[in-house]
PDB file of N, CA and C in Angstrom:
ATOM      1  N   MET A   1       0.684  -1.505   0.690  1.00  0.00           N
ATOM      2  CA  MET A   1      -0.249   0.096  -0.266  1.00  0.00           C
ATOM      3  C   MET A   1       1.001   1.046  -0.482  1.00  0.00           C
ATOM      4  N   ALA A   2       1.789   1.172   0.433  1.00  0.00           N
ATOM      5  CA  ALA A   2       2.446   2.603   0.725  1.00  0.00           C
ATOM      6  C   ALA A   2       3.390   3.292  -0.524  1.00  0.00           C
ATOM      7  N   ALA A   3       3.791   2.048  -1.398  1.00  0.00           N
ATOM      8  CA  ALA A   3       3.854   1.858  -2.317  1.00  0.00           C
ATOM      9  C   ALA A   3       3.215   2.200  -3.594  1.00  0.00           C
ATOM     10  N   ALA A   4       2.129   2.319  -3.499  1.00  0.00           N
ATOM     11  CA  ALA A   4       1.309   2.399  -4.114  1.00  0.00           C
ATOM     12  C   ALA A   4       1.066   4.499  -3.822  1.00  0.00           C
ATOM     13  N   THR A   5       1.305   4.745  -2.597  1.00  0.00           N
ATOM     14  CA  THR A   5       1.019   6.112  -3.125  1.00  0.00           C
ATOM     15  C   THR A   5       1.986   6.742  -3.014  1.00  0.00           C
ATOM     16  N   ASP A   6       3.245   7.094  -2.850  1.00  0.00           N
ATOM     17  CA  ASP A   6       5.212   7.152  -2.671  1.00  0.00           C
ATOM     18  C   ASP A   6       4.614   8.348  -3.583  1.00  0.00           C
ATOM     19  N   GLN A   7       3.777   8.252  -5.135  1.00  0.00           N
ATOM     20  CA  GLN A   7       4.191   8.808  -6.061  1.00  0.00           C
ATOM     21  C   GLN A   7       3.177   9.671  -5.707  1.00  0.00           C
ATOM     22  N   TRP A   8       1.991  10.256  -4.710  1.00  0.00           N
ATOM     23  CA  TRP A   8       1.544  11.383  -4.538  1.00  0.00           C
ATOM     24  C   TRP A   8       1.728  11.757  -3.021  1.00  0.00           C
ATOM     25  N   VAL A   9       2.494  11.001  -2.510  1.00  0.00           N
ATOM     26  CA  VAL A   9       2.022  11.372  -0.870  1.00  0.00           C
ATOM     27  C   VAL A   9       3.731  11.875   0.141  1.00  0.00           C
ATOM     28  N   THR A  10       4.230  11.959   0.533  1.00  0.00           N
ATOM     29  CA  THR A  10       5.162  11.905   1.625  1.00  0.00           C
ATOM     30  C   THR A  10       5.498  12.442   2.887  1.00  0.00           C
ATOM     31  N   PHE A  11       5.880  11.918   3.477  1.00  0.00           N
ATOM     32  CA  PHE A  11       5.527  12.416   5.431  1.00  0.00           C
ATOM     33  C   PHE A  11       6.918  12.638   5.246  1.00  0.00           C
ATOM     34  N   SER A  12       7.525  13.388   6.339  1.00  0.00           N
ATOM     35  CA  SER A  12       8.271  13.964   7.499  1.00  0.00           C
ATOM     36  C   SER A  12       8.170  14.976   8.034  1.00  0.00           C
ATOM     37  N   ARG A  13       8.728  16.176   9.457  1.00  0.00           N
ATOM     38  CA  ARG A  13       8.842  16.470  10.413  1.00  0.00           C
ATOM     39  C   ARG A  13       9.158  17.951   9.758  1.00  0.00           C
ATOM     40  N   LEU A  14       8.546  18.946  10.304  1.00  0.00           N
ATOM     41  CA  LEU A  14       9.080  20.150   9.629  1.00  0.00           C
ATOM     42  C   LEU A  14       8.750  20.901  11.467  1.00  0.00           C
ATOM     43  N   GLY A  15       9.711  20.592  12.565  1.00  0.00           N
ATOM     44  CA  GLY A  15       9.522  21.147  13.674  1.00  0.00           C
ATOM     45  C   GLY A  15       8.189  20.064  14.806  1.00  0.00           C
ATOM     46  N   SER A  16       7.873  20.825  14.649  1.00  0.00           N
ATOM     47  CA  SER A  16       6.977  19.625  15.776  1.00  0.00           C
ATOM     48  C   SER A  16       5.414  18.951  15.209  1.00  0.00           C
ATOM     49  N   ALA A  17       5.487  19.285  14.110  1.00  0.00           N
ATOM     50  CA  ALA A  17       4.297  19.311  13.490  1.00  0.00           C
ATOM     51  C   ALA A  17       5.550  18.311  11.700  1.00  0.00           C
ATOM     52  N   GLU A  18       4.151  17.286  11.808  1.00  0.00           N
ATOM     53  CA  GLU A  18       3.774  16.566  10.745  1.00  0.00           C
ATOM     54  C   GLU A  18       3.411  16.898   9.793  1.00  0.00           C
ATOM     55  N   LEU A  19       4.319  16.917   8.357  1.00  0.00           N
ATOM     56  CA  LEU A  19       4.646  17.421   6.882  1.00  0.00           C
ATOM     57  C   LEU A  19       3.901  16.667   6.582  1.00  0.00           C
ATOM     58  N   VAL A  20       3.512  16.736   5.232  1.00  0.00           N
ATOM     59  CA  VAL A  20       3.051  16.040   4.397  1.00  0.00           C
ATOM     60  C   VAL A  20       2.305  16.540   3.016  1.00  0.00           C
ATOM     61  N   ARG A  21       3.583  16.418   1.835  1.00  0.00           N
ATOM     62  CA  ARG A  21       3.362  16.545   1.096  1.00  0.00           C
ATOM     63  C   ARG A  21       2.299  16.185  -0.279  1.00  0.00           C
ATOM     64  N   LEU A  22       1.647  16.687  -0.804  1.00  0.00           N
ATOM     65  CA  LEU A  22       0.983  15.933  -1.887  1.00  0.00           C
ATOM     66  C   LEU A  22       1.321  16.378  -3.285  1.00  0.00           C
ATOM     67  N   THR A  23       1.570  15.770  -4.151  1.00  0.00           N
ATOM     68  CA  THR A  23       2.000  16.229  -5.443  1.00  0.00           C
ATOM     69  C   THR A  23       0.932  15.595  -6.463  1.00  0.00           C
ATOM     70  N   GLY A  24       1.421  16.316  -8.006  1.00  0.00           N
ATOM     71  CA  GLY A  24       0.122  15.465  -8.696  1.00  0.00           C
ATOM     72  C   GLY A  24      -0.959  15.675  -8.843  1.00  0.00           C
ATOM     73  N   GLU A  25      -1.657  14.566  -9.236  1.00  0.00           N
ATOM     74  CA  GLU A  25      -3.455  14.410  -9.508  1.00  0.00           C
ATOM     75  C   GLU A  25      -4.381  13.993  -8.331  1.00  0.00           C
ATOM     76  N   ILE A  26      -5.108  14.614  -7.671  1.00  0.00           N
ATOM     77  CA  ILE A  26      -5.581  14.264  -5.944  1.00  0.00           C
ATOM     78  C   ILE A  26      -6.471  13.506  -6.848  1.00  0.00           C
ATOM     79  N   ASP A  27      -7.202  12.519  -6.898  1.00  0.00           N
ATOM     80  CA  ASP A  27      -8.826  12.494  -7.799  1.00  0.00           C
ATOM     81  C   ASP A  27      -9.187  11.325  -7.013  1.00  0.00           C
ATOM     82  N   LEU A  28     -10.314  10.431  -7.416  1.00  0.00           N
ATOM     83  CA  LEU A  28     -10.989   9.824  -6.584  1.00  0.00           C
ATOM     84  C   LEU A  28     -10.074   8.370  -7.101  1.00  0.00           C
ATOM     85  N   ALA A  29      -8.783   8.259  -8.286  1.00  0.00           N
ATOM     86  CA  ALA A  29      -8.257   7.362  -8.805  1.00  0.00           C
ATOM     87  C   ALA A  29      -7.474   7.126  -7.443  1.00  0.00           C
ATOM     88  N   ASN A  30      -7.036   7.925  -6.366  1.00  0.00           N
ATOM     89  CA  ASN A  30      -6.675   7.214  -5.751  1.00  0.00           C
ATOM     90  C   ASN A  30      -6.346   7.948  -3.921  1.00  0.00           C
ATOM     91  N   ALA A  31      -7.632   9.034  -4.108  1.00  0.00           N
ATOM     92  CA  ALA A  31      -7.765   9.688  -2.863  1.00  0.00           C
ATOM     93  C   ALA A  31      -7.746   8.989  -1.588  1.00  0.00           C
ATOM     94  N   HIS A  32      -9.100   8.300  -1.559  1.00  0.00           N
ATOM     95  CA  HIS A  32      -8.725   6.688  -1.072  1.00  0.00           C
ATOM     96  C   HIS A  32      -7.691   6.324  -0.114  1.00  0.00           C
ATOM     97  N   ASP A  33      -7.362   5.861  -1.108  1.00  0.00           N
ATOM     98  CA  ASP A  33      -5.435   5.462  -0.445  1.00  0.00           C
ATOM     99  C   ASP A  33      -4.347   6.723   0.019  1.00  0.00           C
ATOM    100  N   ILE A  34      -4.438   7.754   0.157  1.00  0.00           N
ATOM    101  CA  ILE A  34      -3.959   9.200  -0.395  1.00  0.00           C
ATOM    102  C   ILE A  34      -4.217   9.143   1.385  1.00  0.00           C
ATOM    103  N   GLY A  35      -5.706   8.996   1.662  1.00  0.00           N
ATOM    104  CA  GLY A  35      -6.082  10.329   2.626  1.00  0.00           C
ATOM    105  C   GLY A  35      -6.209   8.497   3.426  1.00  0.00           C
ATOM    106  N   ARG A  36      -5.712   6.822   3.544  1.00  0.00           N
ATOM    107  CA  ARG A  36      -5.558   6.064   4.573  1.00  0.00           C
ATOM    108  C   ARG A  36      -4.167   5.852   5.005  1.00  0.00           C
ATOM    109  N   ALA A  37      -3.143   6.696   4.162  1.00  0.00           N
ATOM    110  CA  ALA A  37      -1.550   6.549   4.576  1.00  0.00           C
ATOM    111  C   ALA A  37      -1.407   7.879   5.647  1.00  0.00           C
ATOM    112  N   ILE A  38      -2.519   9.315   5.150  1.00  0.00           N
ATOM    113  CA  ILE A  38      -1.550  10.480   5.478  1.00  0.00           C
ATOM    114  C   ILE A  38      -2.543  10.080   7.686  1.00  0.00           C
ATOM    115  N   ALA A  39      -3.844   9.135   7.081  1.00  0.00           N
ATOM    116  CA  ALA A  39      -4.742   8.900   8.716  1.00  0.00           C
ATOM    117  C   ALA A  39      -3.403   8.140   9.461  1.00  0.00           C
ATOM    118  N   ARG A  40      -2.890   7.210   8.813  1.00  0.00           N
ATOM    119  CA  ARG A  40      -2.017   6.629   9.736  1.00  0.00           C
ATOM    120  C   ARG A  40      -1.259   7.093   9.939  1.00  0.00           C
ATOM    121  N   HIS A  41      -0.477   8.232   9.085  1.00  0.00           N
ATOM    122  CA  HIS A  41       1.031   8.846   9.761  1.00  0.00           C
ATOM    123  C   HIS A  41       1.032   9.392  10.359  1.00  0.00           C
ATOM    124  N   THR A  42      -0.362  10.321  10.465  1.00  0.00           N
ATOM    125  CA  THR A  42      -0.360  11.821  11.321  1.00  0.00           C
ATOM    126  C   THR A  42      -1.501  11.241  12.630  1.00  0.00           C
ATOM    127  N   SER A  43      -1.823   9.274  12.933  1.00  0.00           N
ATOM    128  CA  SER A  43      -2.471   9.930  14.221  1.00  0.00           C
ATOM    129  C   SER A  43      -2.613  10.159  15.189  1.00  0.00           C
ATOM    130  N   ALA A  44      -1.023  10.245  15.416  1.00  0.00           N
ATOM    131  CA  ALA A  44      -0.308  11.025  17.137  1.00  0.00           C
ATOM    132  C   ALA A  44      -0.291  11.670  16.737  1.00  0.00           C
ATOM    133  N   ALA A  45       0.140  12.865  16.060  1.00  0.00           N
ATOM    134  CA  ALA A  45       0.825  14.259  15.701  1.00  0.00           C
ATOM    135  C   ALA A  45       0.456  15.381  16.389  1.00  0.00           C
ATOM    136  N   GLY A  46       1.399  15.830  16.780  1.00  0.00           N
ATOM    137  CA  GLY A  46       0.714  17.093  17.553  1.00  0.00           C
ATOM    138  C   GLY A  46       0.030  18.264  17.307  1.00  0.00           C
ATOM    139  N   ALA A  47       0.863  18.638  15.704  1.00  0.00           N
ATOM    140  CA  ALA A  47       0.073  19.218  14.519  1.00  0.00           C
ATOM    141  C   ALA A  47      -0.020  18.984  13.300  1.00  0.00           C
ATOM    142  N   VAL A  48       0.186  18.823  12.329  1.00  0.00           N
ATOM    143  CA  VAL A  48       0.060  18.403  10.890  1.00  0.00           C
ATOM    144  C   VAL A  48      -0.418  20.095   9.945  1.00  0.00           C
ATOM    145  N   LEU A  49       0.898  19.516   8.535  1.00  0.00           N
ATOM    146  CA  LEU A  49       0.367  20.868   7.647  1.00  0.00           C
ATOM    147  C   LEU A  49       0.539  20.180   6.432  1.00  0.00           C
ATOM    148  N   ILE A  50      -0.108  20.082   5.303  1.00  0.00           N
ATOM    149  CA  ILE A  50      -0.389  19.592   4.563  1.00  0.00           C
ATOM    150  C   ILE A  50      -0.351  20.204   3.520  1.00  0.00           C
ATOM    151  N   ASP A  51       1.218  20.593   2.700  1.00  0.00           N
ATOM    152  CA  ASP A  51       2.250  21.020   1.705  1.00  0.00           C
ATOM    153  C   ASP A  51       0.971  20.664   0.071  1.00  0.00           C
ATOM    154  N   LEU A  52       0.408  21.510  -0.683  1.00  0.00           N
ATOM    155  CA  LEU A  52      -0.468  21.429  -1.970  1.00  0.00           C
ATOM    156  C   LEU A  52       0.036  21.930  -2.583  1.00  0.00           C
ATOM    157  N   THR A  53       1.472  22.519  -2.591  1.00  0.00           N
ATOM    158  CA  THR A  53       1.736  23.225  -3.617  1.00  0.00           C
ATOM    159  C   THR A  53       2.089  23.101  -4.936  1.00  0.00           C
ATOM    160  N   ARG A  54       2.273  21.326  -4.475  1.00  0.00           N
ATOM    161  CA  ARG A  54       2.935  21.066  -5.795  1.00  0.00           C
ATOM    162  C   ARG A  54       1.536  19.460  -6.476  1.00  0.00           C
ATOM    163  N   VAL A  55       0.390  20.268  -6.191  1.00  0.00           N
ATOM    164  CA  VAL A  55      -0.497  19.359  -6.308  1.00  0.00           C
ATOM    165  C   VAL A  55      -1.173  19.897  -7.540  1.00  0.00           C
ATOM    166  N   SER A  56      -1.484  19.665  -8.730  1.00  0.00           N
ATOM    167  CA  SER A  56      -1.896  19.970 -10.303  1.00  0.00           C
ATOM    168  C   SER A  56      -3.133  19.888 -10.395  1.00  0.00           C
ATOM    169  N   PHE A  57      -4.197  18.975 -10.244  1.00  0.00           N
ATOM    170  CA  PHE A  57      -5.068  18.717 -10.003  1.00  0.00           C
ATOM    171  C   PHE A  57      -5.912  18.568  -8.948  1.00  0.00           C
ATOM    172  N   LEU A  58      -6.942  18.583  -8.187  1.00  0.00           N
ATOM    173  CA  LEU A  58      -7.191  18.626  -7.568  1.00  0.00           C
ATOM    174  C   LEU A  58      -9.678  18.065  -7.563  1.00  0.00           C
ATOM    175  N   ASP A  59     -10.002  17.541  -7.579  1.00  0.00           N
ATOM    176  CA  ASP A  59     -11.034  17.041  -7.800  1.00  0.00           C
ATOM    177  C   ASP A  59     -11.854  16.847  -7.022  1.00  0.00           C
ATOM    178  N   SER A  60     -13.530  16.791  -6.579  1.00  0.00           N
ATOM    179  CA  SER A  60     -14.470  16.664  -5.655  1.00  0.00           C
ATOM    180  C   SER A  60     -13.763  15.571  -4.604  1.00  0.00           C
ATOM    181  N   ALA A  61     -12.882  14.257  -4.894  1.00  0.00           N
ATOM    182  CA  ALA A  61     -12.821  13.300  -3.922  1.00  0.00           C
ATOM    183  C   ALA A  61     -11.396  14.103  -3.237  1.00  0.00           C
ATOM    184  N   GLY A  62     -10.549  14.763  -3.889  1.00  0.00           N
ATOM    185  CA  GLY A  62      -9.796  14.879  -3.177  1.00  0.00           C
ATOM    186  C   GLY A  62      -9.875  16.363  -2.442  1.00  0.00           C
ATOM    187  N   VAL A  63     -11.124  17.277  -2.896  1.00  0.00           N
ATOM    188  CA  VAL A  63     -12.167  17.661  -1.600  1.00  0.00           C
ATOM    189  C   VAL A  63     -12.377  17.661  -0.340  1.00  0.00           C
ATOM    190  N   ARG A  64     -12.591  16.384  -1.000  1.00  0.00           N
ATOM    191  CA  ARG A  64     -13.995  15.480  -0.225  1.00  0.00           C
ATOM    192  C   ARG A  64     -12.930  15.240   1.013  1.00  0.00           C
ATOM    193  N   LEU A  65     -11.541  14.121   0.746  1.00  0.00           N
ATOM    194  CA  LEU A  65     -10.705  14.119   1.360  1.00  0.00           C
ATOM    195  C   LEU A  65     -10.202  15.083   2.104  1.00  0.00           C
ATOM    196  N   LEU A  66     -10.098  15.989   2.319  1.00  0.00           N
ATOM    197  CA  LEU A  66      -9.135  17.037   2.813  1.00  0.00           C
ATOM    198  C   LEU A  66     -10.874  17.924   3.994  1.00  0.00           C
ATOM    199  N   ASP A  67     -11.702  17.344   3.509  1.00  0.00           N
ATOM    200  CA  ASP A  67     -12.648  17.819   4.235  1.00  0.00           C
ATOM    201  C   ASP A  67     -12.847  17.018   5.260  1.00  0.00           C
ATOM    202  N   ALA A  68     -12.582  16.140   4.850  1.00  0.00           N
ATOM    203  CA  ALA A  68     -13.228  14.501   5.833  1.00  0.00           C
ATOM    204  C   ALA A  68     -11.715  15.087   6.618  1.00  0.00           C
ATOM    205  N   LEU A  69     -10.298  15.081   6.226  1.00  0.00           N
ATOM    206  CA  LEU A  69      -8.830  15.722   7.459  1.00  0.00           C
ATOM    207  C   LEU A  69      -9.234  16.099   8.304  1.00  0.00           C
ATOM    208  N   ALA A  70      -9.789  17.900   7.820  1.00  0.00           N
ATOM    209  CA  ALA A  70     -10.014  18.747   8.347  1.00  0.00           C
ATOM    210  C   ALA A  70     -11.108  18.335   9.304  1.00  0.00           C
ATOM    211  N   GLY A  71     -12.499  17.634   9.524  1.00  0.00           N
ATOM    212  CA  GLY A  71     -13.016  16.753  10.747  1.00  0.00           C
ATOM    213  C   GLY A  71     -12.286  16.443  11.823  1.00  0.00           C
ATOM    214  N   ASP A  72     -11.484  15.594  11.586  1.00  0.00           N
ATOM    215  CA  ASP A  72     -10.596  14.360  11.935  1.00  0.00           C
ATOM    216  C   ASP A  72     -10.320  14.850  12.631  1.00  0.00           C
ATOM    217  N   MET A  73      -9.016  16.176  12.583  1.00  0.00           N
ATOM    218  CA  MET A  73      -7.698  17.147  13.128  1.00  0.00           C
ATOM    219  C   MET A  73      -8.839  18.079  14.073  1.00  0.00           C
ATOM    220  N   SER A  74      -9.864  18.556  13.643  1.00  0.00           N
ATOM    221  CA  SER A  74     -11.114  18.904  14.339  1.00  0.00           C
ATOM    222  C   SER A  74     -11.191  18.373  15.937  1.00  0.00           C
ATOM    223  N   GLN A  75     -11.784  17.490  15.510  1.00  0.00           N
ATOM    224  CA  GLN A  75     -12.443  16.100  16.645  1.00  0.00           C
ATOM    225  C   GLN A  75     -11.547  16.381  17.270  1.00  0.00           C
ATOM    226  N   SER A  76     -10.163  15.711  17.162  1.00  0.00           N
ATOM    227  CA  SER A  76      -9.360  15.580  18.398  1.00  0.00           C
ATOM    228  C   SER A  76      -8.326  16.726  18.834  1.00  0.00           C
ATOM    229  N   GLY A  77      -8.741  17.599  18.460  1.00  0.00           N
ATOM    230  CA  GLY A  77      -7.723  19.313  18.634  1.00  0.00           C
ATOM    231  C   GLY A  77      -6.639  19.157  18.129  1.00  0.00           C
ATOM    232  N   THR A  78      -5.911  18.578  16.968  1.00  0.00           N
ATOM    233  CA  THR A  78      -4.905  18.502  16.276  1.00  0.00           C
ATOM    234  C   THR A  78      -4.852  20.195  15.432  1.00  0.00           C
ATOM    235  N   PRO A  79      -3.897  21.033  15.789  1.00  0.00           N
ATOM    236  CA  PRO A  79      -4.081  22.075  15.117  1.00  0.00           C
ATOM    237  C   PRO A  79      -3.180  21.461  13.406  1.00  0.00           C
ATOM    238  N   PHE A  80      -4.074  21.932  12.403  1.00  0.00           N
ATOM    239  CA  PHE A  80      -3.913  21.331  11.197  1.00  0.00           C
ATOM    240  C   PHE A  80      -3.745  22.557  10.122  1.00  0.00           C
ATOM    241  N   ARG A  81      -3.128  22.787   9.006  1.00  0.00           N
ATOM    242  CA  ARG A  81      -3.444  24.032   8.166  1.00  0.00           C
ATOM    243  C   ARG A  81      -3.110  22.955   6.491  1.00  0.00           C
ATOM    244  N   LEU A  82      -3.594  23.695   5.850  1.00  0.00           N
ATOM    245  CA  LEU A  82      -2.992  23.509   4.400  1.00  0.00           C
ATOM    246  C   LEU A  82      -2.765  24.491   3.968  1.00  0.00           C
ATOM    247  N   VAL A  83      -1.686  23.744   2.629  1.00  0.00           N
ATOM    248  CA  VAL A  83      -0.463  24.744   2.222  1.00  0.00           C
ATOM    249  C   VAL A  83      -1.296  25.002   1.226  1.00  0.00           C
ATOM    250  N   VAL A  84      -0.823  26.259   0.781  1.00  0.00           N
ATOM    251  CA  VAL A  84      -2.177  26.363  -1.009  1.00  0.00           C
ATOM    252  C   VAL A  84      -1.907  26.380  -1.612  1.00  0.00           C
ATOM    253  N   GLY A  85      -0.252  27.512  -1.579  1.00  0.00           N
ATOM    254  CA  GLY A  85       0.500  29.390  -2.187  1.00  0.00           C
ATOM    255  C   GLY A  85      -0.421  30.519  -2.199  1.00  0.00           C
ATOM    256  N   ASP A  86       0.219  31.031  -3.645  1.00  0.00           N
ATOM    257  CA  ASP A  86      -0.609  32.742  -3.633  1.00  0.00           C
ATOM    258  C   ASP A  86      -1.378  32.013  -5.038  1.00  0.00           C
ATOM    259  N   ARG A  87      -1.189  31.509  -5.582  1.00  0.00           N
ATOM    260  CA  ARG A  87      -2.381  30.671  -6.727  1.00  0.00           C
ATOM    261  C   ARG A  87      -2.067  28.732  -6.829  1.00  0.00           C
ATOM    262  N   GLY A  88      -2.413  28.014  -8.516  1.00  0.00           N
ATOM    263  CA  GLY A  88      -2.279  27.073  -8.172  1.00  0.00           C
ATOM    264  C   GLY A  88      -3.168  25.673  -8.263  1.00  0.00           C
ATOM    265  N   ALA A  89      -3.583  24.972  -8.568  1.00  0.00           N
ATOM    266  CA  ALA A  89      -4.870  24.241  -8.463  1.00  0.00           C
ATOM    267  C   ALA A  89      -5.822  24.260  -6.507  1.00  0.00           C
ATOM    268  N   ALA A  90      -4.977  23.845  -6.483  1.00  0.00           N
ATOM    269  CA  ALA A  90      -5.080  23.094  -5.155  1.00  0.00           C
ATOM    270  C   ALA A  90      -6.340  24.783  -5.205  1.00  0.00           C
ATOM    271  N   ARG A  91      -5.234  25.444  -4.074  1.00  0.00           N
ATOM    272  CA  ARG A  91      -5.900  27.420  -4.503  1.00  0.00           C
ATOM    273  C   ARG A  91      -7.153  27.187  -4.746  1.00  0.00           C
ATOM    274  N   ILE A  92      -7.268  27.428  -5.992  1.00  0.00           N
ATOM    275  CA  ILE A  92      -8.350  27.206  -7.375  1.00  0.00           C
ATOM    276  C   ILE A  92      -9.513  26.735  -6.336  1.00  0.00           C
ATOM    277  N   THR A  93      -9.532  25.373  -7.028  1.00  0.00           N
ATOM    278  CA  THR A  93     -10.120  24.015  -6.312  1.00  0.00           C
ATOM    279  C   THR A  93     -11.142  25.097  -4.951  1.00  0.00           C
ATOM    280  N   LEU A  94     -10.343  25.335  -4.196  1.00  0.00           N
ATOM    281  CA  LEU A  94     -11.008  24.793  -2.713  1.00  0.00           C
ATOM    282  C   LEU A  94     -11.727  26.255  -2.440  1.00  0.00           C
ATOM    283  N   THR A  95     -11.047  27.664  -2.623  1.00  0.00           N
ATOM    284  CA  THR A  95     -11.667  28.667  -3.015  1.00  0.00           C
ATOM    285  C   THR A  95     -13.060  28.616  -3.905  1.00  0.00           C
ATOM    286  N   LEU A  96     -12.636  27.686  -5.292  1.00  0.00           N
ATOM    287  CA  LEU A  96     -14.265  27.786  -5.357  1.00  0.00           C
ATOM    288  C   LEU A  96     -15.322  26.809  -4.281  1.00  0.00           C
ATOM    289  N   CYS A  97     -14.783  25.994  -4.120  1.00  0.00           N
ATOM    290  CA  CYS A  97     -16.026  25.079  -3.294  1.00  0.00           C
ATOM    291  C   CYS A  97     -15.795  25.451  -1.725  1.00  0.00           C
ATOM    292  N   ALA A  98     -15.503  27.336  -1.498  1.00  0.00           N
ATOM    293  CA  ALA A  98     -16.055  27.799   0.185  1.00  0.00           C
ATOM    294  C   ALA A  98     -14.916  27.032   0.728  1.00  0.00           C
ATOM    295  N   PHE A  99     -13.605  25.857   0.449  1.00  0.00           N
ATOM    296  CA  PHE A  99     -12.970  25.511   1.946  1.00  0.00           C
ATOM    297  C   PHE A  99     -12.792  26.551   2.415  1.00  0.00           C
ATOM    298  N   ARG A 100     -13.044  26.135   4.775  1.00  0.00           N
ATOM    299  CA  ARG A 100     -12.610  27.259   5.788  1.00  0.00           C
ATOM    300  C   ARG A 100     -11.348  27.434   4.683  1.00  0.00           C
ATOM    301  N   ASP A 101     -12.351  29.223   4.997  1.00  0.00           N
ATOM    302  CA  ASP A 101     -10.482  29.663   4.899  1.00  0.00           C
ATOM    303  C   ASP A 101      -9.193  29.861   5.775  1.00  0.00           C
ATOM    304  N   ASP A 102     -10.290  29.694   7.685  1.00  0.00           N
ATOM    305  CA  ASP A 102      -8.973  29.836   8.456  1.00  0.00           C
ATOM    306  C   ASP A 102      -7.627  28.448   8.495  1.00  0.00           C
ATOM    307  N   LEU A 103      -8.215  27.554   6.808  1.00  0.00           N
ATOM    308  CA  LEU A 103      -6.808  26.382   7.627  1.00  0.00           C
ATOM    309  C   LEU A 103      -6.877  26.611   6.279  1.00  0.00           C
ATOM    310  N   LEU A 104      -6.766  27.551   5.271  1.00  0.00           N
ATOM    311  CA  LEU A 104      -5.044  27.284   4.103  1.00  0.00           C
ATOM    312  C   LEU A 104      -4.209  28.457   4.894  1.00  0.00           C
ATOM    313  N   ALA A 105      -3.308  28.057   4.142  1.00  0.00           N
ATOM    314  CA  ALA A 105      -1.847  29.422   4.166  1.00  0.00           C
ATOM    315  C   ALA A 105      -1.653  29.170   3.153  1.00  0.00           C
ATOM    316  N   THR A 106      -0.929  29.883   2.654  1.00  0.00           N
ATOM    317  CA  THR A 106      -0.365  30.163   1.687  1.00  0.00           C
ATOM    318  C   THR A 106       1.321  30.196   1.598  1.00  0.00           C
ATOM    319  N   ASP A 107       2.453  30.024   2.448  1.00  0.00           N
ATOM    320  CA  ASP A 107       3.237  29.583   3.059  1.00  0.00           C
ATOM    321  C   ASP A 107       3.012  28.966   4.375  1.00  0.00           C
ATOM    322  N   LEU A 108       4.501  27.966   4.068  1.00  0.00           N
ATOM    323  CA  LEU A 108       4.643  26.895   4.355  1.00  0.00           C
ATOM    324  C   LEU A 108       4.849  27.385   5.941  1.00  0.00           C
ATOM    325  N   ASP A 109       6.527  28.115   5.656  1.00  0.00           N
ATOM    326  CA  ASP A 109       6.488  28.791   7.132  1.00  0.00           C
ATOM    327  C   ASP A 109       5.870  29.586   8.057  1.00  0.00           C
ATOM    328  N   ARG A 110       5.061  29.926   7.008  1.00  0.00           N
ATOM    329  CA  ARG A 110       4.340  31.343   7.715  1.00  0.00           C
ATOM    330  C   ARG A 110       2.887  29.539   8.942  1.00  0.00           C
ATOM    331  N   ALA A 111       2.458  28.935   7.952  1.00  0.00           N
ATOM    332  CA  ALA A 111       1.701  27.872   8.624  1.00  0.00           C
ATOM    333  C   ALA A 111       2.520  27.177   9.961  1.00  0.00           C
ATOM    334  N   ALA A 112       3.229  26.726   9.607  1.00  0.00           N
ATOM    335  CA  ALA A 112       3.752  25.519  10.498  1.00  0.00           C
ATOM    336  C   ALA A 112       4.241  26.917  12.024  1.00  0.00           C
ATOM    337  N   ALA A 113       4.472  28.050  11.891  1.00  0.00           N
ATOM    338  CA  ALA A 113       4.364  29.341  13.330  1.00  0.00           C
ATOM    339  C   ALA A 113       3.046  29.045  13.577  1.00  0.00           C
ATOM    340  N   GLU A 114       2.051  29.544  12.543  1.00  0.00           N
ATOM    341  CA  GLU A 114       1.080  29.885  13.178  1.00  0.00           C
ATOM    342  C   GLU A 114       0.404  27.941  13.964  1.00  0.00           C
ATOM    343  N   LEU A 115       0.584  27.423  13.767  1.00  0.00           N
ATOM    344  CA  LEU A 115       1.041  25.793  14.505  1.00  0.00           C
ATOM    345  C   LEU A 115       2.176  26.163  16.038  1.00  0.00           C
ATOM    346  N   GLY A 116       2.647  26.643  16.111  1.00  0.00           N
ATOM    347  CA  GLY A 116       3.673  26.897  16.687  1.00  0.00           C
ATOM    348  C   GLY A 116       4.431  25.692  16.948  1.00  0.00           C
ATOM    349  N   SER A 117       4.734  25.077  15.996  1.00  0.00           N
ATOM    350  CA  SER A 117       5.761  24.207  15.052  1.00  0.00           C
ATOM    351  C   SER A 117       6.997  24.888  14.571  1.00  0.00           C
TER     352      SER A 117
END
């Protein structure tokens, strides 16, 4: 399973936060597997940053994935930010979907600082 998602998702640390970087197209074909990998890697995280700046396409399945993750993080009390840059596919799609603006950040360092990482 991990090898199947390696082309779209990588994990590392940034300060005290778990950093998740998504790359390429996030859509119906891979959103479920990506979501499972993210949940597995972030279940015990003190804070989570998801970098979407390298996402080239985000469909409704990807938006549902991010919304579910935001709900899970909120319910568990885990600080959470989506880094979407100033422009790009993720920012455009999430803005059009009226995604929670308080969870969107343009800059990774600024998002980390907001989370206290």
